Amino acid sequence: MTRFTRSSLGLISALTAVGLLGACSSSSSSPAQTLPASIDLEVRAVSGLKFDQTNYSAAAGEISVGYVNEDSIRHNIVVVQDETMISGFELQVNKNGDIDSGSVTLEAGTYLLLCTVPGHQSMKAELTVS
């Protein structure tokens, strides 16, 4: 049977605590996510429940959209025309630093970019496609 003195137990406790604290921190961080170079339209969700711009533009046809979250909460983005959501397109970013990208095919016209997360109705911008 092994016996420990009080000072030995204190030292063991201190070393265990240091080891556990060291295991909780990480000196390596994951690389920052970046958008693909082929993005035609970049939209950023920023603090204050808004996009980084109120007006965007893109060329008609297949549009590669990149969505970046610079806020601390979850957001999404959809495209709406004449009060109808464009089917098959939605990008989601859950936390600061997240990115998402996808493509949508749009004809020339005026569209609305919206975040449909409940309470985020102020997140809207106009998209002019020509």
C-alpha atoms as a PDB file:
ATOM      1  CA  MET A   1       0.000   0.000   0.000  1.00  0.00           C
ATOM      2  CA  THR A   2       1.386   3.408  -0.987  1.00  0.00           C
ATOM      3  CA  ARG A   3       1.100   6.233   1.522  1.00  0.00           C
ATOM      4  CA  PHE A   4       1.179   9.887   0.617  1.00  0.00           C
ATOM      5  CA  THR A   5       1.987  12.718   2.927  1.00  0.00           C
ATOM      6  CA  ARG A   6      -0.061  15.929   2.860  1.00  0.00           C
ATOM      7  CA  SER A   7       2.649  17.744   0.957  1.00  0.00           C
ATOM      8  CA  SER A   8       2.760  14.935  -1.612  1.00  0.00           C
ATOM      9  CA  LEU A   9      -1.010  15.085  -2.044  1.00  0.00           C
ATOM     10  CA  GLY A  10      -0.838  18.876  -2.468  1.00  0.00           C
ATOM     11  CA  LEU A  11       1.857  18.546  -5.106  1.00  0.00           C
ATOM     12  CA  ILE A  12      -0.095  15.846  -6.956  1.00  0.00           C
ATOM     13  CA  SER A  13      -3.251  17.999  -6.867  1.00  0.00           C
ATOM     14  CA  ALA A  14      -1.367  21.038  -8.182  1.00  0.00           C
ATOM     15  CA  LEU A  15       0.254  19.069 -11.000  1.00  0.00           C
ATOM     16  CA  THR A  16      -3.073  17.492 -11.936  1.00  0.00           C
ATOM     17  CA  ALA A  17      -4.750  20.924 -12.049  1.00  0.00           C
ATOM     18  CA  VAL A  18      -1.980  22.331 -14.239  1.00  0.00           C
ATOM     19  CA  GLY A  19      -2.245  19.326 -16.541  1.00  0.00           C
ATOM     20  CA  LEU A  20      -6.016  19.682 -16.827  1.00  0.00           C
ATOM     21  CA  LEU A  21      -5.809  23.413 -17.500  1.00  0.00           C
ATOM     22  CA  GLY A  22      -3.204  22.818 -20.158  1.00  0.00           C
ATOM     23  CA  ALA A  23      -5.468  20.252 -21.796  1.00  0.00           C
ATOM     24  CA  CYS A  24      -8.303  22.813 -21.947  1.00  0.00           C
ATOM     25  CA  SER A  25      -6.291  25.388 -23.845  1.00  0.00           C
ATOM     26  CA  SER A  26      -5.046  24.945 -27.338  1.00  0.00           C
ATOM     27  CA  SER A  27      -1.976  26.569 -28.762  1.00  0.00           C
ATOM     28  CA  SER A  28      -2.929  25.589 -32.279  1.00  0.00           C
ATOM     29  CA  SER A  29      -5.860  27.260 -33.957  1.00  0.00           C
ATOM     30  CA  SER A  30      -7.686  26.071 -37.017  1.00  0.00           C
ATOM     31  CA  PRO A  31      -6.855  27.975 -40.178  1.00  0.00           C
ATOM     32  CA  ALA A  32      -9.166  30.834 -41.071  1.00  0.00           C
ATOM     33  CA  GLN A  33     -11.819  29.912 -43.585  1.00  0.00           C
ATOM     34  CA  THR A  34     -11.659  31.730 -46.896  1.00  0.00           C
ATOM     35  CA  LEU A  35     -14.089  32.089 -49.759  1.00  0.00           C
ATOM     36  CA  PRO A  36     -13.320  30.427 -53.070  1.00  0.00           C
ATOM     37  CA  ALA A  37     -11.599  32.732 -55.559  1.00  0.00           C
ATOM     38  CA  SER A  38     -14.438  32.224 -58.047  1.00  0.00           C
ATOM     39  CA  ILE A  39     -17.048  34.132 -55.980  1.00  0.00           C
ATOM     40  CA  ASP A  40     -19.146  36.592 -58.036  1.00  0.00           C
ATOM     41  CA  LEU A  41     -21.041  38.111 -55.102  1.00  0.00           C
ATOM     42  CA  GLU A  42     -19.762  38.425 -51.523  1.00  0.00           C
ATOM     43  CA  VAL A  43     -22.200  39.239 -48.716  1.00  0.00           C
ATOM     44  CA  ARG A  44     -21.214  39.730 -45.083  1.00  0.00           C
ATOM     45  CA  ALA A  45     -23.458  39.482 -42.029  1.00  0.00           C
ATOM     46  CA  VAL A  46     -22.250  42.171 -39.628  1.00  0.00           C
ATOM     47  CA  SER A  47     -23.075  43.234 -36.089  1.00  0.00           C
ATOM     48  CA  GLY A  48     -26.374  45.061 -35.663  1.00  0.00           C
ATOM     49  CA  LEU A  49     -28.478  42.536 -37.617  1.00  0.00           C
ATOM     50  CA  LYS A  50     -27.540  43.817 -41.056  1.00  0.00           C
ATOM     51  CA  PHE A  51     -25.576  42.997 -44.155  1.00  0.00           C
ATOM     52  CA  ASP A  52     -22.404  44.933 -44.941  1.00  0.00           C
ATOM     53  CA  GLN A  53     -24.150  46.724 -47.828  1.00  0.00           C
ATOM     54  CA  THR A  54     -27.713  47.746 -48.629  1.00  0.00           C
ATOM     55  CA  ASN A  55     -27.260  47.273 -52.404  1.00  0.00           C
ATOM     56  CA  TYR A  56     -25.409  44.583 -54.325  1.00  0.00           C
ATOM     57  CA  SER A  57     -25.068  43.886 -58.036  1.00  0.00           C
ATOM     58  CA  ALA A  58     -24.236  40.852 -60.150  1.00  0.00           C
ATOM     59  CA  ALA A  59     -24.289  39.723 -63.766  1.00  0.00           C
ATOM     60  CA  ALA A  60     -27.237  37.623 -64.943  1.00  0.00           C
ATOM     61  CA  GLY A  61     -26.730  33.870 -65.189  1.00  0.00           C
ATOM     62  CA  GLU A  62     -25.185  31.513 -62.670  1.00  0.00           C
ATOM     63  CA  ILE A  63     -23.963  33.610 -59.728  1.00  0.00           C
ATOM     64  CA  SER A  64     -21.511  32.175 -57.212  1.00  0.00           C
ATOM     65  CA  VAL A  65     -22.384  33.685 -53.822  1.00  0.00           C
ATOM     66  CA  GLY A  66     -20.111  33.767 -50.788  1.00  0.00           C
ATOM     67  CA  TYR A  67     -21.558  34.461 -47.327  1.00  0.00           C
ATOM     68  CA  VAL A  68     -19.310  35.465 -44.408  1.00  0.00           C
ATOM     69  CA  ASN A  69     -20.404  35.809 -40.785  1.00  0.00           C
ATOM     70  CA  GLU A  70     -18.706  38.720 -39.007  1.00  0.00           C
ATOM     71  CA  ASP A  71     -21.297  38.613 -36.230  1.00  0.00           C
ATOM     72  CA  SER A  72     -21.485  36.392 -33.158  1.00  0.00           C
ATOM     73  CA  ILE A  73     -24.879  34.839 -33.946  1.00  0.00           C
ATOM     74  CA  ARG A  74     -26.415  32.550 -36.572  1.00  0.00           C
ATOM     75  CA  HIS A  75     -27.612  33.950 -39.917  1.00  0.00           C
ATOM     76  CA  ASN A  76     -28.826  32.696 -43.269  1.00  0.00           C
ATOM     77  CA  ILE A  77     -29.429  34.298 -46.644  1.00  0.00           C
ATOM     78  CA  VAL A  78     -32.087  33.666 -49.265  1.00  0.00           C
ATOM     79  CA  VAL A  79     -32.987  35.409 -52.519  1.00  0.00           C
ATOM     80  CA  VAL A  80     -36.529  36.703 -53.068  1.00  0.00           C
ATOM     81  CA  GLN A  81     -38.211  38.107 -56.170  1.00  0.00           C
ATOM     82  CA  ASP A  82     -41.787  39.420 -56.188  1.00  0.00           C
ATOM     83  CA  GLU A  83     -42.321  38.072 -52.642  1.00  0.00           C
ATOM     84  CA  THR A  84     -41.348  34.553 -53.748  1.00  0.00           C
ATOM     85  CA  MET A  85     -38.226  32.864 -52.429  1.00  0.00           C
ATOM     86  CA  ILE A  86     -35.930  31.480 -55.152  1.00  0.00           C
ATOM     87  CA  SER A  87     -36.136  27.724 -54.696  1.00  0.00           C
ATOM     88  CA  GLY A  88     -33.040  25.700 -53.893  1.00  0.00           C
ATOM     89  CA  PHE A  89     -30.825  28.515 -52.614  1.00  0.00           C
ATOM     90  CA  GLU A  90     -30.033  29.189 -48.955  1.00  0.00           C
ATOM     91  CA  LEU A  91     -26.692  29.795 -47.286  1.00  0.00           C
ATOM     92  CA  GLN A  92     -26.147  29.463 -43.526  1.00  0.00           C
ATOM     93  CA  VAL A  93     -23.429  30.696 -41.178  1.00  0.00           C
ATOM     94  CA  ASN A  94     -23.658  29.760 -37.509  1.00  0.00           C
ATOM     95  CA  LYS A  95     -20.940  31.757 -35.743  1.00  0.00           C
ATOM     96  CA  ASN A  96     -18.318  34.444 -36.251  1.00  0.00           C
ATOM     97  CA  GLY A  97     -15.831  33.415 -38.923  1.00  0.00           C
ATOM     98  CA  ASP A  98     -18.110  30.894 -40.633  1.00  0.00           C
ATOM     99  CA  ILE A  99     -18.457  31.011 -44.396  1.00  0.00           C
ATOM    100  CA  ASP A 100     -20.798  29.337 -46.836  1.00  0.00           C
ATOM    101  CA  SER A 101     -21.016  29.502 -50.587  1.00  0.00           C
ATOM    102  CA  GLY A 102     -23.327  28.333 -53.310  1.00  0.00           C
ATOM    103  CA  SER A 103     -24.684  29.191 -56.730  1.00  0.00           C
ATOM    104  CA  VAL A 104     -27.988  30.556 -57.905  1.00  0.00           C
ATOM    105  CA  THR A 105     -29.099  31.239 -61.475  1.00  0.00           C
ATOM    106  CA  LEU A 106     -30.876  34.577 -61.855  1.00  0.00           C
ATOM    107  CA  GLU A 107     -32.239  36.489 -64.808  1.00  0.00           C
ATOM    108  CA  ALA A 108     -31.846  40.260 -65.062  1.00  0.00           C
ATOM    109  CA  GLY A 109     -34.027  42.011 -62.516  1.00  0.00           C
ATOM    110  CA  THR A 110     -34.249  43.291 -58.972  1.00  0.00           C
ATOM    111  CA  TYR A 111     -34.141  40.848 -56.081  1.00  0.00           C
ATOM    112  CA  LEU A 112     -34.139  41.031 -52.306  1.00  0.00           C
ATOM    113  CA  LEU A 113     -31.522  39.329 -50.119  1.00  0.00           C
ATOM    114  CA  LEU A 114     -32.986  38.336 -46.737  1.00  0.00           C
ATOM    115  CA  CYS A 115     -31.960  36.638 -43.514  1.00  0.00           C
ATOM    116  CA  THR A 116     -34.962  34.528 -42.504  1.00  0.00           C
ATOM    117  CA  VAL A 117     -33.784  33.704 -38.975  1.00  0.00           C
ATOM    118  CA  PRO A 118     -36.620  34.770 -36.634  1.00  0.00           C
ATOM    119  CA  GLY A 119     -36.040  38.324 -35.360  1.00  0.00           C
ATOM    120  CA  HIS A 120     -33.617  39.193 -38.183  1.00  0.00           C
ATOM    121  CA  GLN A 121     -36.158  40.902 -40.465  1.00  0.00           C
ATOM    122  CA  SER A 122     -33.955  44.030 -40.587  1.00  0.00           C
ATOM    123  CA  MET A 123     -31.345  42.025 -42.523  1.00  0.00           C
ATOM    124  CA  LYS A 124     -32.289  42.822 -46.105  1.00  0.00           C
ATOM    125  CA  ALA A 125     -30.565  44.276 -49.126  1.00  0.00           C
ATOM    126  CA  GLU A 126     -31.360  44.864 -52.761  1.00  0.00           C
ATOM    127  CA  LEU A 127     -29.641  42.786 -55.440  1.00  0.00           C
ATOM    128  CA  THR A 128     -29.634  44.198 -58.965  1.00  0.00           C
ATOM    129  CA  VAL A 129     -28.908  41.596 -61.624  1.00  0.00           C
ATOM    130  CA  SER A 130     -28.111  42.900 -65.106  1.00  0.00           C
END
